[in-house]
Amino acid sequence: MGAYDGLRRMRANADLMLVLAAHAADWNFEEATIVGERMRRDALRLRRAVWKIEVGFLPLTMLRQFYIGTPFQIQEAAAAYYLMRQRLLALYAATHAGRYPALAAVL
C-alpha cells in the first residue's frame, strides 16, 4: 500500500473517483446516482479508517488503544478503496464504454 504515503494517496484518489462518478451522471443519471452514493459511503469508510490509523500513531498514551486496531483499519481502508475502484470501473463499462479502457489503465 505504500505505508503512510500510500494511505494519503488512496484518500486523495478516492476524492478523484467521486468526481469521476459524478461526471458519469451526464451519461446515465439513474445508475450513476446509485453508484455514486455507494462510492461516497465507501469513501467515508476509507477516510474514517485513515483517520484512526493517524490517531493510532500519536505519541499520547491515552490514544494508544487505536494502535492495536491499526492492521484492521489498514484492511478497512484497502477494502473501501478497492470497492470504490471496482464500482467506478463497472459504472464506466456500463455507461460509457469508450472511456473505460483509458480509465482502467489509469486506475
PDB file of N, CA and C in Angstrom:
ATOM      1  N   MET A   1       0.813  -1.194   0.000  1.00  0.00           N
ATOM      2  CA  MET A   1       0.000   0.000   0.000  1.00  0.00           C
ATOM      3  C   MET A   1       0.854   1.256   0.000  1.00  0.00           C
ATOM      4  N   GLY A   2       2.096   1.152   0.345  1.00  0.00           N
ATOM      5  CA  GLY A   2       2.953   2.327   0.314  1.00  0.00           C
ATOM      6  C   GLY A   2       3.055   3.050   1.644  1.00  0.00           C
ATOM      7  N   ALA A   3       2.767   2.379   2.727  1.00  0.00           N
ATOM      8  CA  ALA A   3       2.845   2.941   4.077  1.00  0.00           C
ATOM      9  C   ALA A   3       1.942   4.168   4.195  1.00  0.00           C
ATOM     10  N   TYR A   4       2.364   5.153   4.957  1.00  0.00           N
ATOM     11  CA  TYR A   4       1.532   6.324   5.212  1.00  0.00           C
ATOM     12  C   TYR A   4       1.298   7.144   3.942  1.00  0.00           C
ATOM     13  N   ASP A   5       2.312   7.264   3.094  1.00  0.00           N
ATOM     14  CA  ASP A   5       2.132   7.996   1.833  1.00  0.00           C
ATOM     15  C   ASP A   5       1.088   7.312   0.952  1.00  0.00           C
ATOM     16  N   GLY A   6       1.077   6.007   0.950  1.00  0.00           N
ATOM     17  CA  GLY A   6       0.087   5.264   0.181  1.00  0.00           C
ATOM     18  C   GLY A   6      -1.325   5.516   0.682  1.00  0.00           C
ATOM     19  N   LEU A   7      -1.484   5.598   1.995  1.00  0.00           N
ATOM     20  CA  LEU A   7      -2.802   5.893   2.558  1.00  0.00           C
ATOM     21  C   LEU A   7      -3.267   7.292   2.156  1.00  0.00           C
ATOM     22  N   ARG A   8      -2.360   8.247   2.190  1.00  0.00           N
ATOM     23  CA  ARG A   8      -2.708   9.614   1.773  1.00  0.00           C
ATOM     24  C   ARG A   8      -3.097   9.649   0.301  1.00  0.00           C
ATOM     25  N   ARG A   9      -2.378   8.898  -0.522  1.00  0.00           N
ATOM     26  CA  ARG A   9      -2.716   8.848  -1.952  1.00  0.00           C
ATOM     27  C   ARG A   9      -4.070   8.184  -2.174  1.00  0.00           C
ATOM     28  N   MET A  10      -4.341   7.133  -1.414  1.00  0.00           N
ATOM     29  CA  MET A  10      -5.638   6.470  -1.533  1.00  0.00           C
ATOM     30  C   MET A  10      -6.760   7.433  -1.183  1.00  0.00           C
ATOM     31  N   ARG A  11      -6.563   8.222  -0.146  1.00  0.00           N
ATOM     32  CA  ARG A  11      -7.584   9.191   0.262  1.00  0.00           C
ATOM     33  C   ARG A  11      -7.782  10.241  -0.823  1.00  0.00           C
ATOM     34  N   ALA A  12      -6.703  10.719  -1.417  1.00  0.00           N
ATOM     35  CA  ALA A  12      -6.803  11.703  -2.499  1.00  0.00           C
ATOM     36  C   ALA A  12      -7.444  11.091  -3.746  1.00  0.00           C
ATOM     37  N   ASN A  13      -7.070   9.864  -4.072  1.00  0.00           N
ATOM     38  CA  ASN A  13      -7.651   9.182  -5.234  1.00  0.00           C
ATOM     39  C   ASN A  13      -9.139   8.912  -5.032  1.00  0.00           C
ATOM     40  N   ALA A  14      -9.533   8.655  -3.798  1.00  0.00           N
ATOM     41  CA  ALA A  14     -10.955   8.416  -3.521  1.00  0.00           C
ATOM     42  C   ALA A  14     -11.766   9.661  -3.855  1.00  0.00           C
ATOM     43  N   ASP A  15     -11.244  10.826  -3.513  1.00  0.00           N
ATOM     44  CA  ASP A  15     -11.937  12.065  -3.862  1.00  0.00           C
ATOM     45  C   ASP A  15     -12.037  12.227  -5.370  1.00  0.00           C
ATOM     46  N   LEU A  16     -10.984  11.877  -6.064  1.00  0.00           N
ATOM     47  CA  LEU A  16     -10.990  11.965  -7.528  1.00  0.00           C
ATOM     48  C   LEU A  16     -11.981  10.984  -8.141  1.00  0.00           C
ATOM     49  N   MET A  17     -12.055   9.786  -7.590  1.00  0.00           N
ATOM     50  CA  MET A  17     -13.001   8.799  -8.105  1.00  0.00           C
ATOM     51  C   MET A  17     -14.442   9.256  -7.906  1.00  0.00           C
ATOM     52  N   LEU A  18     -14.710   9.975  -6.803  1.00  0.00           N
ATOM     53  CA  LEU A  18     -16.049  10.511  -6.587  1.00  0.00           C
ATOM     54  C   LEU A  18     -16.405  11.545  -7.654  1.00  0.00           C
ATOM     55  N   VAL A  19     -15.435  12.353  -8.028  1.00  0.00           N
ATOM     56  CA  VAL A  19     -15.655  13.344  -9.088  1.00  0.00           C
ATOM     57  C   VAL A  19     -15.940  12.641 -10.417  1.00  0.00           C
ATOM     58  N   LEU A  20     -15.195  11.589 -10.715  1.00  0.00           N
ATOM     59  CA  LEU A  20     -15.420  10.839 -11.949  1.00  0.00           C
ATOM     60  C   LEU A  20     -16.801  10.175 -11.955  1.00  0.00           C
ATOM     61  N   ALA A  21     -17.240   9.689 -10.804  1.00  0.00           N
ATOM     62  CA  ALA A  21     -18.573   9.084 -10.731  1.00  0.00           C
ATOM     63  C   ALA A  21     -19.648  10.141 -10.940  1.00  0.00           C
ATOM     64  N   ALA A  22     -19.452  11.330 -10.389  1.00  0.00           N
ATOM     65  CA  ALA A  22     -20.413  12.411 -10.599  1.00  0.00           C
ATOM     66  C   ALA A  22     -20.449  12.822 -12.069  1.00  0.00           C
ATOM     67  N   HIS A  23     -19.305  12.789 -12.715  1.00  0.00           N
ATOM     68  CA  HIS A  23     -19.233  13.123 -14.141  1.00  0.00           C
ATOM     69  C   HIS A  23     -19.981  12.095 -14.987  1.00  0.00           C
ATOM     70  N   ALA A  24     -20.012  10.862 -14.555  1.00  0.00           N
ATOM     71  CA  ALA A  24     -20.720   9.808 -15.297  1.00  0.00           C
ATOM     72  C   ALA A  24     -22.228  10.011 -15.264  1.00  0.00           C
ATOM     73  N   ALA A  25     -22.697  10.841 -14.352  1.00  0.00           N
ATOM     74  CA  ALA A  25     -24.136  11.120 -14.288  1.00  0.00           C
ATOM     75  C   ALA A  25     -24.625  11.838 -15.547  1.00  0.00           C
ATOM     76  N   ASP A  26     -23.721  12.448 -16.299  1.00  0.00           N
ATOM     77  CA  ASP A  26     -24.104  13.082 -17.560  1.00  0.00           C
ATOM     78  C   ASP A  26     -24.593  12.057 -18.575  1.00  0.00           C
ATOM     79  N   TRP A  27     -24.113  10.824 -18.482  1.00  0.00           N
ATOM     80  CA  TRP A  27     -24.456   9.789 -19.446  1.00  0.00           C
ATOM     81  C   TRP A  27     -25.595   8.907 -18.966  1.00  0.00           C
ATOM     82  N   ASN A  28     -25.611   8.623 -17.674  1.00  0.00           N
ATOM     83  CA  ASN A  28     -26.619   7.716 -17.132  1.00  0.00           C
ATOM     84  C   ASN A  28     -26.926   8.165 -15.710  1.00  0.00           C
ATOM     85  N   PHE A  29     -27.889   9.040 -15.576  1.00  0.00           N
ATOM     86  CA  PHE A  29     -28.166   9.676 -14.292  1.00  0.00           C
ATOM     87  C   PHE A  29     -28.589   8.677 -13.217  1.00  0.00           C
ATOM     88  N   GLU A  30     -29.491   7.775 -13.549  1.00  0.00           N
ATOM     89  CA  GLU A  30     -30.031   6.861 -12.541  1.00  0.00           C
ATOM     90  C   GLU A  30     -28.957   5.952 -11.951  1.00  0.00           C
ATOM     91  N   GLU A  31     -28.232   5.286 -12.820  1.00  0.00           N
ATOM     92  CA  GLU A  31     -27.209   4.349 -12.337  1.00  0.00           C
ATOM     93  C   GLU A  31     -26.058   5.083 -11.655  1.00  0.00           C
ATOM     94  N   ALA A  32     -25.646   6.212 -12.224  1.00  0.00           N
ATOM     95  CA  ALA A  32     -24.527   6.966 -11.642  1.00  0.00           C
ATOM     96  C   ALA A  32     -24.884   7.514 -10.266  1.00  0.00           C
ATOM     97  N   THR A  33     -26.132   7.858 -10.059  1.00  0.00           N
ATOM     98  CA  THR A  33     -26.552   8.359  -8.752  1.00  0.00           C
ATOM     99  C   THR A  33     -26.440   7.268  -7.691  1.00  0.00           C
ATOM    100  N   ILE A  34     -26.899   6.090  -8.025  1.00  0.00           N
ATOM    101  CA  ILE A  34     -26.841   4.984  -7.070  1.00  0.00           C
ATOM    102  C   ILE A  34     -25.399   4.576  -6.793  1.00  0.00           C
ATOM    103  N   VAL A  35     -24.625   4.409  -7.853  1.00  0.00           N
ATOM    104  CA  VAL A  35     -23.220   4.015  -7.688  1.00  0.00           C
ATOM    105  C   VAL A  35     -22.445   5.105  -6.961  1.00  0.00           C
ATOM    106  N   GLY A  36     -22.732   6.360  -7.287  1.00  0.00           N
ATOM    107  CA  GLY A  36     -22.055   7.468  -6.613  1.00  0.00           C
ATOM    108  C   GLY A  36     -22.318   7.490  -5.121  1.00  0.00           C
ATOM    109  N   GLU A  37     -23.552   7.200  -4.736  1.00  0.00           N
ATOM    110  CA  GLU A  37     -23.877   7.160  -3.305  1.00  0.00           C
ATOM    111  C   GLU A  37     -23.136   6.035  -2.605  1.00  0.00           C
ATOM    112  N   ARG A  38     -23.080   4.868  -3.228  1.00  0.00           N
ATOM    113  CA  ARG A  38     -22.322   3.761  -2.631  1.00  0.00           C
ATOM    114  C   ARG A  38     -20.841   4.129  -2.513  1.00  0.00           C
ATOM    115  N   MET A  39     -20.329   4.799  -3.540  1.00  0.00           N
ATOM    116  CA  MET A  39     -18.920   5.203  -3.507  1.00  0.00           C
ATOM    117  C   MET A  39     -18.668   6.254  -2.422  1.00  0.00           C
ATOM    118  N   ARG A  40     -19.623   7.157  -2.202  1.00  0.00           N
ATOM    119  CA  ARG A  40     -19.466   8.138  -1.126  1.00  0.00           C
ATOM    120  C   ARG A  40     -19.396   7.452   0.228  1.00  0.00           C
ATOM    121  N   ARG A  41     -20.196   6.412   0.399  1.00  0.00           N
ATOM    122  CA  ARG A  41     -20.148   5.666   1.668  1.00  0.00           C
ATOM    123  C   ARG A  41     -18.817   4.925   1.822  1.00  0.00           C
ATOM    124  N   ASP A  42     -18.321   4.377   0.728  1.00  0.00           N
ATOM    125  CA  ASP A  42     -17.001   3.731   0.772  1.00  0.00           C
ATOM    126  C   ASP A  42     -15.916   4.751   1.093  1.00  0.00           C
ATOM    127  N   ALA A  43     -16.026   5.938   0.511  1.00  0.00           N
ATOM    128  CA  ALA A  43     -15.036   6.992   0.767  1.00  0.00           C
ATOM    129  C   ALA A  43     -15.060   7.413   2.231  1.00  0.00           C
ATOM    130  N   LEU A  44     -16.242   7.448   2.810  1.00  0.00           N
ATOM    131  CA  LEU A  44     -16.349   7.772   4.230  1.00  0.00           C
ATOM    132  C   LEU A  44     -15.671   6.703   5.080  1.00  0.00           C
ATOM    133  N   ARG A  45     -15.883   5.431   4.732  1.00  0.00           N
ATOM    134  CA  ARG A  45     -15.200   4.338   5.449  1.00  0.00           C
ATOM    135  C   ARG A  45     -13.691   4.470   5.323  1.00  0.00           C
ATOM    136  N   LEU A  46     -13.222   4.813   4.134  1.00  0.00           N
ATOM    137  CA  LEU A  46     -11.787   4.960   3.903  1.00  0.00           C
ATOM    138  C   LEU A  46     -11.226   6.117   4.730  1.00  0.00           C
ATOM    139  N   ARG A  47     -11.900   7.267   4.708  1.00  0.00           N
ATOM    140  CA  ARG A  47     -11.426   8.424   5.483  1.00  0.00           C
ATOM    141  C   ARG A  47     -11.400   8.116   6.972  1.00  0.00           C
ATOM    142  N   ARG A  48     -12.446   7.444   7.445  1.00  0.00           N
ATOM    143  CA  ARG A  48     -12.513   7.100   8.865  1.00  0.00           C
ATOM    144  C   ARG A  48     -11.369   6.155   9.250  1.00  0.00           C
ATOM    145  N   ALA A  49     -11.101   5.176   8.416  1.00  0.00           N
ATOM    146  CA  ALA A  49     -10.018   4.229   8.709  1.00  0.00           C
ATOM    147  C   ALA A  49      -8.663   4.937   8.699  1.00  0.00           C
ATOM    148  N   VAL A  50      -8.439   5.807   7.725  1.00  0.00           N
ATOM    149  CA  VAL A  50      -7.161   6.540   7.664  1.00  0.00           C
ATOM    150  C   VAL A  50      -7.016   7.439   8.881  1.00  0.00           C
ATOM    151  N   TRP A  51      -8.105   8.080   9.292  1.00  0.00           N
ATOM    152  CA  TRP A  51      -8.043   8.935  10.476  1.00  0.00           C
ATOM    153  C   TRP A  51      -7.671   8.125  11.714  1.00  0.00           C
ATOM    154  N   LYS A  52      -8.274   6.944  11.864  1.00  0.00           N
ATOM    155  CA  LYS A  52      -7.965   6.105  13.022  1.00  0.00           C
ATOM    156  C   LYS A  52      -6.511   5.635  12.989  1.00  0.00           C
ATOM    157  N   ILE A  53      -5.992   5.380  11.815  1.00  0.00           N
ATOM    158  CA  ILE A  53      -4.586   4.993  11.697  1.00  0.00           C
ATOM    159  C   ILE A  53      -3.697   6.153  12.117  1.00  0.00           C
ATOM    160  N   GLU A  54      -4.023   7.354  11.647  1.00  0.00           N
ATOM    161  CA  GLU A  54      -3.235   8.532  12.006  1.00  0.00           C
ATOM    162  C   GLU A  54      -3.264   8.781  13.509  1.00  0.00           C
ATOM    163  N   VAL A  55      -4.444   8.665  14.116  1.00  0.00           N
ATOM    164  CA  VAL A  55      -4.576   8.858  15.557  1.00  0.00           C
ATOM    165  C   VAL A  55      -3.807   7.781  16.314  1.00  0.00           C
ATOM    166  N   GLY A  56      -3.780   6.578  15.782  1.00  0.00           N
ATOM    167  CA  GLY A  56      -3.083   5.483  16.448  1.00  0.00           C
ATOM    168  C   GLY A  56      -1.597   5.693  16.571  1.00  0.00           C
ATOM    169  N   PHE A  57      -1.029   6.530  15.726  1.00  0.00           N
ATOM    170  CA  PHE A  57       0.406   6.769  15.787  1.00  0.00           C
ATOM    171  C   PHE A  57       0.770   8.044  16.535  1.00  0.00           C
ATOM    172  N   LEU A  58      -0.216   8.676  17.156  1.00  0.00           N
ATOM    173  CA  LEU A  58       0.087   9.826  18.001  1.00  0.00           C
ATOM    174  C   LEU A  58       0.829   9.347  19.249  1.00  0.00           C
ATOM    175  N   PRO A  59       1.710  10.161  19.782  1.00  0.00           N
ATOM    176  CA  PRO A  59       2.510   9.722  20.939  1.00  0.00           C
ATOM    177  C   PRO A  59       1.744   9.697  22.255  1.00  0.00           C
ATOM    178  N   LEU A  60       0.517  10.153  22.287  1.00  0.00           N
ATOM    179  CA  LEU A  60      -0.234  10.184  23.541  1.00  0.00           C
ATOM    180  C   LEU A  60      -0.609   8.772  23.973  1.00  0.00           C
ATOM    181  N   THR A  61      -0.385   8.479  25.243  1.00  0.00           N
ATOM    182  CA  THR A  61      -0.652   7.125  25.728  1.00  0.00           C
ATOM    183  C   THR A  61      -2.143   6.850  25.811  1.00  0.00           C
ATOM    184  N   MET A  62      -2.960   7.862  26.025  1.00  0.00           N
ATOM    185  CA  MET A  62      -4.395   7.611  26.141  1.00  0.00           C
ATOM    186  C   MET A  62      -5.025   7.248  24.795  1.00  0.00           C
ATOM    187  N   LEU A  63      -4.348   7.549  23.703  1.00  0.00           N
ATOM    188  CA  LEU A  63      -4.869   7.216  22.393  1.00  0.00           C
ATOM    189  C   LEU A  63      -4.247   5.941  21.835  1.00  0.00           C
ATOM    190  N   ARG A  64      -3.460   5.252  22.615  1.00  0.00           N
ATOM    191  CA  ARG A  64      -2.777   4.054  22.146  1.00  0.00           C
ATOM    192  C   ARG A  64      -3.731   2.904  21.857  1.00  0.00           C
ATOM    193  N   GLN A  65      -4.959   2.994  22.326  1.00  0.00           N
ATOM    194  CA  GLN A  65      -5.911   1.918  22.057  1.00  0.00           C
ATOM    195  C   GLN A  65      -6.161   1.759  20.559  1.00  0.00           C
ATOM    196  N   PHE A  66      -6.026   2.819  19.786  1.00  0.00           N
ATOM    197  CA  PHE A  66      -6.211   2.734  18.351  1.00  0.00           C
ATOM    198  C   PHE A  66      -5.071   1.981  17.677  1.00  0.00           C
ATOM    199  N   TYR A  67      -3.902   2.034  18.261  1.00  0.00           N
ATOM    200  CA  TYR A  67      -2.742   1.391  17.645  1.00  0.00           C
ATOM    201  C   TYR A  67      -2.943  -0.108  17.513  1.00  0.00           C
ATOM    202  N   ILE A  68      -3.615  -0.710  18.446  1.00  0.00           N
ATOM    203  CA  ILE A  68      -3.867  -2.148  18.409  1.00  0.00           C
ATOM    204  C   ILE A  68      -4.730  -2.506  17.188  1.00  0.00           C
ATOM    205  N   GLY A  69      -5.640  -1.628  16.826  1.00  0.00           N
ATOM    206  CA  GLY A  69      -6.529  -1.896  15.714  1.00  0.00           C
ATOM    207  C   GLY A  69      -6.003  -1.462  14.364  1.00  0.00           C
ATOM    208  N   THR A  70      -4.765  -1.000  14.294  1.00  0.00           N
ATOM    209  CA  THR A  70      -4.216  -0.483  13.040  1.00  0.00           C
ATOM    210  C   THR A  70      -4.267  -1.495  11.899  1.00  0.00           C
ATOM    211  N   PRO A  71      -3.886  -2.746  12.085  1.00  0.00           N
ATOM    212  CA  PRO A  71      -3.981  -3.693  10.955  1.00  0.00           C
ATOM    213  C   PRO A  71      -5.398  -3.831  10.417  1.00  0.00           C
ATOM    214  N   PHE A  72      -6.376  -3.772  11.295  1.00  0.00           N
ATOM    215  CA  PHE A  72      -7.765  -3.869  10.855  1.00  0.00           C
ATOM    216  C   PHE A  72      -8.188  -2.616  10.094  1.00  0.00           C
ATOM    217  N   GLN A  73      -7.696  -1.462  10.544  1.00  0.00           N
ATOM    218  CA  GLN A  73      -8.024  -0.219   9.858  1.00  0.00           C
ATOM    219  C   GLN A  73      -7.358  -0.155   8.479  1.00  0.00           C
ATOM    220  N   ILE A  74      -6.162  -0.693   8.380  1.00  0.00           N
ATOM    221  CA  ILE A  74      -5.487  -0.747   7.075  1.00  0.00           C
ATOM    222  C   ILE A  74      -6.292  -1.622   6.124  1.00  0.00           C
ATOM    223  N   GLN A  75      -6.770  -2.747   6.614  1.00  0.00           N
ATOM    224  CA  GLN A  75      -7.585  -3.624   5.783  1.00  0.00           C
ATOM    225  C   GLN A  75      -8.894  -2.938   5.400  1.00  0.00           C
ATOM    226  N   GLU A  76      -9.493  -2.205   6.323  1.00  0.00           N
ATOM    227  CA  GLU A  76     -10.735  -1.481   6.037  1.00  0.00           C
ATOM    228  C   GLU A  76     -10.517  -0.427   4.949  1.00  0.00           C
ATOM    229  N   ALA A  77      -9.411   0.306   5.039  1.00  0.00           N
ATOM    230  CA  ALA A  77      -9.105   1.327   4.035  1.00  0.00           C
ATOM    231  C   ALA A  77      -8.866   0.688   2.667  1.00  0.00           C
ATOM    232  N   ALA A  78      -8.127  -0.384   2.638  1.00  0.00           N
ATOM    233  CA  ALA A  78      -7.841  -1.056   1.367  1.00  0.00           C
ATOM    234  C   ALA A  78      -9.118  -1.631   0.746  1.00  0.00           C
ATOM    235  N   ALA A  79      -9.985  -2.203   1.570  1.00  0.00           N
ATOM    236  CA  ALA A  79     -11.231  -2.773   1.053  1.00  0.00           C
ATOM    237  C   ALA A  79     -12.147  -1.687   0.505  1.00  0.00           C
ATOM    238  N   ALA A  80     -12.251  -0.571   1.222  1.00  0.00           N
ATOM    239  CA  ALA A  80     -13.096   0.530   0.750  1.00  0.00           C
ATOM    240  C   ALA A  80     -12.569   1.091  -0.562  1.00  0.00           C
ATOM    241  N   TYR A  81     -11.255   1.234  -0.668  1.00  0.00           N
ATOM    242  CA  TYR A  81     -10.655   1.756  -1.899  1.00  0.00           C
ATOM    243  C   TYR A  81     -10.891   0.793  -3.059  1.00  0.00           C
ATOM    244  N   TYR A  82     -10.723  -0.484  -2.813  1.00  0.00           N
ATOM    245  CA  TYR A  82     -10.937  -1.485  -3.854  1.00  0.00           C
ATOM    246  C   TYR A  82     -12.386  -1.463  -4.339  1.00  0.00           C
ATOM    247  N   LEU A  83     -13.335  -1.384  -3.402  1.00  0.00           N
ATOM    248  CA  LEU A  83     -14.741  -1.339  -3.788  1.00  0.00           C
ATOM    249  C   LEU A  83     -15.054  -0.095  -4.608  1.00  0.00           C
ATOM    250  N   MET A  84     -14.482   1.030  -4.214  1.00  0.00           N
ATOM    251  CA  MET A  84     -14.700   2.259  -4.981  1.00  0.00           C
ATOM    252  C   MET A  84     -14.177   2.101  -6.404  1.00  0.00           C
ATOM    253  N   ARG A  85     -13.002   1.539  -6.523  1.00  0.00           N
ATOM    254  CA  ARG A  85     -12.389   1.355  -7.842  1.00  0.00           C
ATOM    255  C   ARG A  85     -13.241   0.445  -8.711  1.00  0.00           C
ATOM    256  N   GLN A  86     -13.682  -0.678  -8.150  1.00  0.00           N
ATOM    257  CA  GLN A  86     -14.478  -1.627  -8.911  1.00  0.00           C
ATOM    258  C   GLN A  86     -15.830  -1.031  -9.314  1.00  0.00           C
ATOM    259  N   ARG A  87     -16.446  -0.283  -8.415  1.00  0.00           N
ATOM    260  CA  ARG A  87     -17.733   0.334  -8.732  1.00  0.00           C
ATOM    261  C   ARG A  87     -17.584   1.378  -9.840  1.00  0.00           C
ATOM    262  N   LEU A  88     -16.510   2.154  -9.761  1.00  0.00           N
ATOM    263  CA  LEU A  88     -16.288   3.166 -10.799  1.00  0.00           C
ATOM    264  C   LEU A  88     -16.031   2.516 -12.148  1.00  0.00           C
ATOM    265  N   LEU A  89     -15.232   1.473 -12.174  1.00  0.00           N
ATOM    266  CA  LEU A  89     -14.967   0.780 -13.438  1.00  0.00           C
ATOM    267  C   LEU A  89     -16.235   0.148 -14.003  1.00  0.00           C
ATOM    268  N   ALA A  90     -17.055  -0.437 -13.153  1.00  0.00           N
ATOM    269  CA  ALA A  90     -18.311  -1.032 -13.620  1.00  0.00           C
ATOM    270  C   ALA A  90     -19.253   0.040 -14.156  1.00  0.00           C
ATOM    271  N   LEU A  91     -19.274   1.188 -13.498  1.00  0.00           N
ATOM    272  CA  LEU A  91     -20.117   2.288 -13.956  1.00  0.00           C
ATOM    273  C   LEU A  91     -19.685   2.770 -15.332  1.00  0.00           C
ATOM    274  N   TYR A  92     -18.398   2.942 -15.519  1.00  0.00           N
ATOM    275  CA  TYR A  92     -17.905   3.399 -16.817  1.00  0.00           C
ATOM    276  C   TYR A  92     -18.073   2.322 -17.886  1.00  0.00           C
ATOM    277  N   ALA A  93     -17.944   1.064 -17.532  1.00  0.00           N
ATOM    278  CA  ALA A  93     -18.153  -0.009 -18.505  1.00  0.00           C
ATOM    279  C   ALA A  93     -19.606  -0.034 -18.969  1.00  0.00           C
ATOM    280  N   ALA A  94     -20.535   0.254 -18.064  1.00  0.00           N
ATOM    281  CA  ALA A  94     -21.958   0.217 -18.402  1.00  0.00           C
ATOM    282  C   ALA A  94     -22.438   1.489 -19.087  1.00  0.00           C
ATOM    283  N   THR A  95     -21.877   2.636 -18.715  1.00  0.00           N
ATOM    284  CA  THR A  95     -22.417   3.897 -19.214  1.00  0.00           C
ATOM    285  C   THR A  95     -21.630   4.505 -20.355  1.00  0.00           C
ATOM    286  N   HIS A  96     -20.327   4.329 -20.330  1.00  0.00           N
ATOM    287  CA  HIS A  96     -19.513   4.948 -21.375  1.00  0.00           C
ATOM    288  C   HIS A  96     -18.322   4.047 -21.675  1.00  0.00           C
ATOM    289  N   ALA A  97     -18.588   3.012 -22.438  1.00  0.00           N
ATOM    290  CA  ALA A  97     -17.568   2.002 -22.718  1.00  0.00           C
ATOM    291  C   ALA A  97     -16.377   2.568 -23.466  1.00  0.00           C
ATOM    292  N   GLY A  98     -16.553   3.679 -24.161  1.00  0.00           N
ATOM    293  CA  GLY A  98     -15.444   4.274 -24.910  1.00  0.00           C
ATOM    294  C   GLY A  98     -14.343   4.809 -24.010  1.00  0.00           C
ATOM    295  N   ARG A  99     -14.705   5.252 -22.835  1.00  0.00           N
ATOM    296  CA  ARG A  99     -13.708   5.795 -21.901  1.00  0.00           C
ATOM    297  C   ARG A  99     -13.215   4.762 -20.900  1.00  0.00           C
ATOM    298  N   TYR A 100     -13.833   3.594 -20.901  1.00  0.00           N
ATOM    299  CA  TYR A 100     -13.470   2.551 -19.936  1.00  0.00           C
ATOM    300  C   TYR A 100     -12.013   2.110 -20.051  1.00  0.00           C
ATOM    301  N   PRO A 101     -11.475   1.814 -21.250  1.00  0.00           N
ATOM    302  CA  PRO A 101     -10.088   1.326 -21.323  1.00  0.00           C
ATOM    303  C   PRO A 101      -9.070   2.318 -20.768  1.00  0.00           C
ATOM    304  N   ALA A 102      -9.268   3.602 -21.041  1.00  0.00           N
ATOM    305  CA  ALA A 102      -8.336   4.603 -20.521  1.00  0.00           C
ATOM    306  C   ALA A 102      -8.430   4.689 -18.995  1.00  0.00           C
ATOM    307  N   LEU A 103      -9.637   4.645 -18.466  1.00  0.00           N
ATOM    308  CA  LEU A 103      -9.805   4.706 -17.025  1.00  0.00           C
ATOM    309  C   LEU A 103      -9.225   3.471 -16.343  1.00  0.00           C
ATOM    310  N   ALA A 104      -9.463   2.305 -16.919  1.00  0.00           N
ATOM    311  CA  ALA A 104      -8.937   1.068 -16.344  1.00  0.00           C
ATOM    312  C   ALA A 104      -7.413   1.073 -16.346  1.00  0.00           C
ATOM    313  N   ALA A 105      -6.805   1.648 -17.374  1.00  0.00           N
ATOM    314  CA  ALA A 105      -5.343   1.704 -17.424  1.00  0.00           C
ATOM    315  C   ALA A 105      -4.788   2.650 -16.364  1.00  0.00           C
ATOM    316  N   VAL A 106      -5.492   3.731 -16.089  1.00  0.00           N
ATOM    317  CA  VAL A 106      -5.023   4.700 -15.100  1.00  0.00           C
ATOM    318  C   VAL A 106      -5.219   4.199 -13.684  1.00  0.00           C
ATOM    319  N   LEU A 107      -6.361   3.570 -13.423  1.00  0.00           N
ATOM    320  CA  LEU A 107      -6.643   3.096 -12.078  1.00  0.00           C
ATOM    321  C   LEU A 107      -5.917   1.813 -11.814  1.00  0.00           C
TER     322      LEU A 107
END
